[in-house]
Structure formats: C-alpha cells, structure tokens
C-alpha cells in the first residue's frame, strides 16, 4: 500500500517536472510579445478654404467630432456612395448626438473643385456637411496628415479629362482634434451609426 502511494507521489513529481520543462522550452522558442501604446499618428492641423473662399482651419471644429472623408466631386461612385452612407448614419443618431458631429468632405482635386464647387456638391448630402478645398499644396499637406493617398490618372481618349484614385476611409476625430477611429469604405450606415454612438 505504501509502495503504491510512493509510486503515485514520485510519478506526480516526474510528470510535473516534464510539463514544466516542456513549458520552458516552448516559451524560449516563442517570439517576444509586442505591446504597443500611444495614439495613431493620423490627423493634425490643416488650413483650407471654405465655400466663400475664406480660410478654414481644424481649430474651427474644436468641441465637435469631425467625420472626415477625402474625395472629389467628379468621382463616379465611391465618393457619392460614402457621403450618402455618412448622411444616413448621422440620420440614425438622435438630434442631440448628431449635433455633436460635423461631416467634412475634403477634395483631392483642387484643380476642378473650387471652394464653391465643393460647397454646392456636399449640399446634395445634407445641410450638416462642410466641403473644403484649397491650393494643391494645402490639400497635399492635409492628405499627408491623414495618411490619405491620391493619384491623378488622365483619360485615354485625349480629352484632357482625368480621374483621381484615392483612399476611401472616413476618419472620426474627437472634440480635441485627435484621431479616434477610422471607418472603412463599405461599412453599412447602421454599423457606422453604431460606431459613432459608441464614442459620442
């Protein structure tokens, strides 16, 4: 009887030693766990032009959430579709929530999109929308701050027309102007409403 108890105890110790050694071996072969902290480097100061050609900076929107999207008025599909989704998402909020958010459309085609053209364009999506243009240099600086890429492609027919490939992401910025989250293109309006409500 004592011998079987002793065998059980010794066996238990051996099993524990084997499992412990295996754990140490596996852990030394595993890559170290990477932990990150801090904020994403997205967004920042911008100086652009509003509908009447007046200077508009990011500071004008302090105290409000900014829902920022870059595009252009000649965009055949992505821009109007995303702006419609943004409008529907804001309509899904109650008035108090919606009043906290300013949807902002920044052109990546300042050559054709004058401040007036952009302002008239965004009115198609609702009175809440703000349209911004600027010089090519001002647009490039704002796009760089938001990590937005865009590239002009001339038409093949020699007409002088062109399209602009561009990033299609909406950025939610906090009342302090700091990045909160991004919303990928193709997110349905109810889901966007849910995301917005989570942070308001």
Protein backbone atom coordinates (compact mmCIF):
# COMPACT_ATOMS: atom_id res chain seq x y z
CA UNK A 1 0.00 0.00 0.00
CA UNK A 2 2.80 2.38 0.99
CA UNK A 3 4.73 1.43 -2.09
CA UNK A 4 1.83 2.31 -4.46
CA UNK A 5 1.34 5.66 -2.69
CA UNK A 6 5.06 6.35 -3.03
CA UNK A 7 4.94 5.46 -6.73
CA UNK A 8 1.99 7.84 -7.23
CA UNK A 9 3.85 10.68 -5.47
CA UNK A 10 7.07 10.08 -7.43
CA UNK A 11 5.10 9.80 -10.68
CA UNK A 12 3.36 13.08 -9.92
CA UNK A 13 6.68 14.84 -9.34
CA UNK A 14 8.11 13.42 -12.56
CA UNK A 15 5.05 14.45 -14.58
CA UNK A 16 5.23 17.97 -13.12
CA UNK A 17 8.93 18.21 -13.96
CA UNK A 18 8.36 17.06 -17.54
CA UNK A 19 5.46 19.52 -18.08
CA UNK A 20 7.47 22.37 -16.54
CA UNK A 21 10.49 21.67 -18.75
CA UNK A 22 8.26 21.49 -21.83
CA UNK A 23 6.67 24.85 -20.94
CA UNK A 24 10.09 26.49 -20.58
CA UNK A 25 11.32 25.07 -23.89
CA UNK A 26 8.22 26.21 -25.76
CA UNK A 27 8.34 29.70 -24.26
CA UNK A 28 12.00 30.25 -25.12
CA UNK A 29 11.24 29.42 -28.78
CA UNK A 30 8.29 31.79 -28.96
CA UNK A 31 8.81 35.36 -30.22
CA UNK A 32 8.53 38.03 -27.54
CA UNK A 33 5.07 39.55 -27.08
CA UNK A 34 4.86 43.02 -28.58
CA UNK A 35 2.88 45.60 -26.68
CA UNK A 36 2.04 48.98 -28.16
CA UNK A 37 0.85 52.16 -26.60
CA UNK A 38 0.18 55.73 -27.63
CA UNK A 39 -2.01 57.24 -30.31
CA UNK A 40 -2.15 56.71 -34.05
CA UNK A 41 -0.41 59.50 -35.94
CA UNK A 42 -3.45 60.38 -38.03
CA UNK A 43 -4.84 63.87 -38.44
CA UNK A 44 -3.44 67.19 -37.42
CA UNK A 45 -3.65 70.87 -38.20
CA UNK A 46 -4.96 71.92 -41.61
CA UNK A 47 -5.61 75.22 -43.32
CA UNK A 48 -8.08 75.00 -46.20
CA UNK A 49 -10.75 77.06 -47.96
CA UNK A 50 -14.47 77.15 -47.19
CA UNK A 51 -17.38 77.83 -49.55
CA UNK A 52 -16.83 81.58 -49.79
CA UNK A 53 -13.07 81.23 -50.18
CA UNK A 54 -12.43 82.06 -46.54
CA UNK A 55 -9.71 80.29 -44.58
CA UNK A 56 -10.90 77.34 -42.50
CA UNK A 57 -8.61 75.60 -40.03
CA UNK A 58 -9.14 72.46 -37.98
CA UNK A 59 -9.48 74.67 -34.88
CA UNK A 60 -12.86 75.93 -36.15
CA UNK A 61 -14.28 72.48 -35.34
CA UNK A 62 -12.97 72.16 -31.77
CA UNK A 63 -15.64 70.97 -29.37
CA UNK A 64 -17.26 68.87 -32.12
CA UNK A 65 -16.49 65.44 -33.51
CA UNK A 66 -15.26 65.59 -37.11
CA UNK A 67 -16.19 62.82 -39.53
CA UNK A 68 -13.64 63.43 -42.30
CA UNK A 69 -13.65 61.96 -45.81
CA UNK A 70 -11.33 62.81 -48.72
CA UNK A 71 -12.60 62.56 -52.30
CA UNK A 72 -13.56 64.65 -55.32
CA UNK A 73 -16.76 65.88 -56.93
CA UNK A 74 -16.21 64.11 -60.28
CA UNK A 75 -15.88 60.75 -58.51
CA UNK A 76 -18.36 58.43 -60.25
CA UNK A 77 -19.20 56.06 -57.43
CA UNK A 78 -17.13 55.79 -54.25
CA UNK A 79 -17.48 59.38 -53.03
CA UNK A 80 -21.22 59.83 -53.53
CA UNK A 81 -21.86 56.37 -52.08
CA UNK A 82 -19.77 57.08 -48.97
CA UNK A 83 -21.26 60.53 -48.42
CA UNK A 84 -24.75 59.02 -48.66
CA UNK A 85 -23.76 56.43 -46.04
CA UNK A 86 -22.38 59.17 -43.79
CA UNK A 87 -25.62 61.15 -44.16
CA UNK A 88 -27.74 58.08 -43.38
CA UNK A 89 -25.52 57.20 -40.40
CA UNK A 90 -26.00 60.69 -38.95
CA UNK A 91 -29.75 60.44 -39.56
CA UNK A 92 -29.66 57.28 -37.44
CA UNK A 93 -28.48 59.29 -34.43
CA UNK A 94 -30.85 61.30 -32.29
CA UNK A 95 -30.67 65.07 -32.74
CA UNK A 96 -28.54 65.68 -29.66
CA UNK A 97 -25.98 63.10 -30.82
CA UNK A 98 -25.99 64.25 -34.45
CA UNK A 99 -25.40 67.86 -33.42
CA UNK A 100 -22.05 66.79 -31.96
CA UNK A 101 -20.74 65.60 -35.35
CA UNK A 102 -19.58 67.68 -38.33
CA UNK A 103 -19.22 65.66 -41.55
CA UNK A 104 -16.34 67.14 -43.57
CA UNK A 105 -15.54 66.43 -47.21
CA UNK A 106 -12.05 67.48 -48.36
CA UNK A 107 -11.34 67.41 -52.09
CA UNK A 108 -8.24 65.79 -53.53
CA UNK A 109 -8.90 67.53 -56.85
CA UNK A 110 -8.41 71.25 -56.17
CA UNK A 111 -7.81 71.88 -59.87
CA UNK A 112 -11.52 71.38 -60.64
CA UNK A 113 -13.02 71.52 -57.15
CA UNK A 114 -13.06 75.18 -56.21
CA UNK A 115 -14.46 76.08 -52.77
CA UNK A 116 -17.83 76.92 -54.33
CA UNK A 117 -17.98 73.69 -56.36
CA UNK A 118 -17.23 71.59 -53.26
CA UNK A 119 -19.74 73.52 -51.13
CA UNK A 120 -22.50 73.03 -53.72
CA UNK A 121 -21.64 69.35 -54.06
CA UNK A 122 -21.87 68.48 -50.36
CA UNK A 123 -25.27 70.20 -50.08
CA UNK A 124 -26.61 67.19 -52.01
CA UNK A 125 -25.97 65.12 -48.89
CA UNK A 126 -27.46 67.45 -46.31
CA UNK A 127 -27.03 70.81 -44.65
CA UNK A 128 -24.69 69.41 -41.99
CA UNK A 129 -21.91 68.77 -44.49
CA UNK A 130 -18.88 71.03 -44.81
CA UNK A 131 -16.93 70.99 -48.08
CA UNK A 132 -13.32 72.15 -48.13
CA UNK A 133 -10.87 72.87 -50.93
CA UNK A 134 -7.55 74.69 -51.09
CA UNK A 135 -4.37 75.05 -53.07
CA UNK A 136 -2.69 71.84 -54.26
CA UNK A 137 -0.08 72.34 -51.53
CA UNK A 138 -2.70 72.79 -48.79
CA UNK A 139 -4.59 69.70 -49.95
CA UNK A 140 -1.37 67.66 -50.09
CA UNK A 141 -0.48 68.71 -46.55
CA UNK A 142 -3.93 67.79 -45.17
CA UNK A 143 -3.92 64.46 -47.03
CA UNK A 144 -0.46 63.64 -45.67
CA UNK A 145 -1.61 64.38 -42.11
CA UNK A 146 -4.50 61.94 -42.54
CA UNK A 147 -2.36 59.33 -44.33
CA UNK A 148 -4.54 59.69 -47.43
CA UNK A 149 -3.08 58.79 -50.81
CA UNK A 150 -4.35 60.05 -54.16
CA UNK A 151 -3.14 59.85 -57.73
CA UNK A 152 -4.35 61.56 -60.89
CA UNK A 153 -5.00 59.39 -64.00
CA UNK A 154 -5.55 61.11 -67.38
CA UNK A 155 -8.23 59.59 -69.63
CA UNK A 156 -7.01 57.55 -72.61
CA UNK A 157 -9.19 59.41 -75.12
CA UNK A 158 -7.06 62.56 -75.24
CA UNK A 159 -9.95 64.66 -73.94
CA UNK A 160 -7.97 66.14 -71.08
CA UNK A 161 -10.34 64.56 -68.57
CA UNK A 162 -8.93 62.59 -65.68
CA UNK A 163 -9.90 60.54 -62.66
CA UNK A 164 -8.30 60.51 -59.22
CA UNK A 165 -7.61 57.29 -57.36
CA UNK A 166 -7.75 57.95 -53.62
CA UNK A 167 -8.03 56.35 -50.20
CA UNK A 168 -11.64 55.74 -49.21
CA UNK A 169 -11.70 55.87 -45.42
CA UNK A 170 -13.79 58.02 -43.09
CA UNK A 171 -11.93 59.30 -40.02
CA UNK A 172 -13.62 60.10 -36.74
CA UNK A 173 -11.77 62.82 -34.86
CA UNK A 174 -12.54 63.86 -31.29
CA UNK A 175 -13.60 67.28 -30.00
CA UNK A 176 -9.92 67.92 -29.25
CA UNK A 177 -8.98 67.19 -32.88
CA UNK A 178 -7.33 63.87 -32.01
CA UNK A 179 -7.87 60.69 -34.00
CA UNK A 180 -10.42 58.28 -32.51
CA UNK A 181 -11.03 55.62 -35.16
CA UNK A 182 -11.39 55.03 -38.89
CA UNK A 183 -14.40 53.60 -40.71
CA UNK A 184 -13.61 51.61 -43.86
CA UNK A 185 -15.44 52.16 -47.14
CA UNK A 186 -18.34 49.73 -47.49
CA UNK A 187 -19.39 49.96 -43.83
CA UNK A 188 -23.23 49.98 -43.84
CA UNK A 189 -24.97 53.06 -42.45
CA UNK A 190 -26.45 51.27 -39.36
CA UNK A 191 -22.98 49.99 -38.46
CA UNK A 192 -21.50 53.47 -38.90
CA UNK A 193 -24.24 54.85 -36.64
CA UNK A 194 -23.33 52.24 -34.05
CA UNK A 195 -19.63 53.18 -34.26
CA UNK A 196 -20.38 56.89 -33.92
CA UNK A 197 -22.71 56.35 -30.98
CA UNK A 198 -20.04 54.33 -29.20
CA UNK A 199 -17.81 57.42 -28.99
CA UNK A 200 -20.30 60.25 -28.63
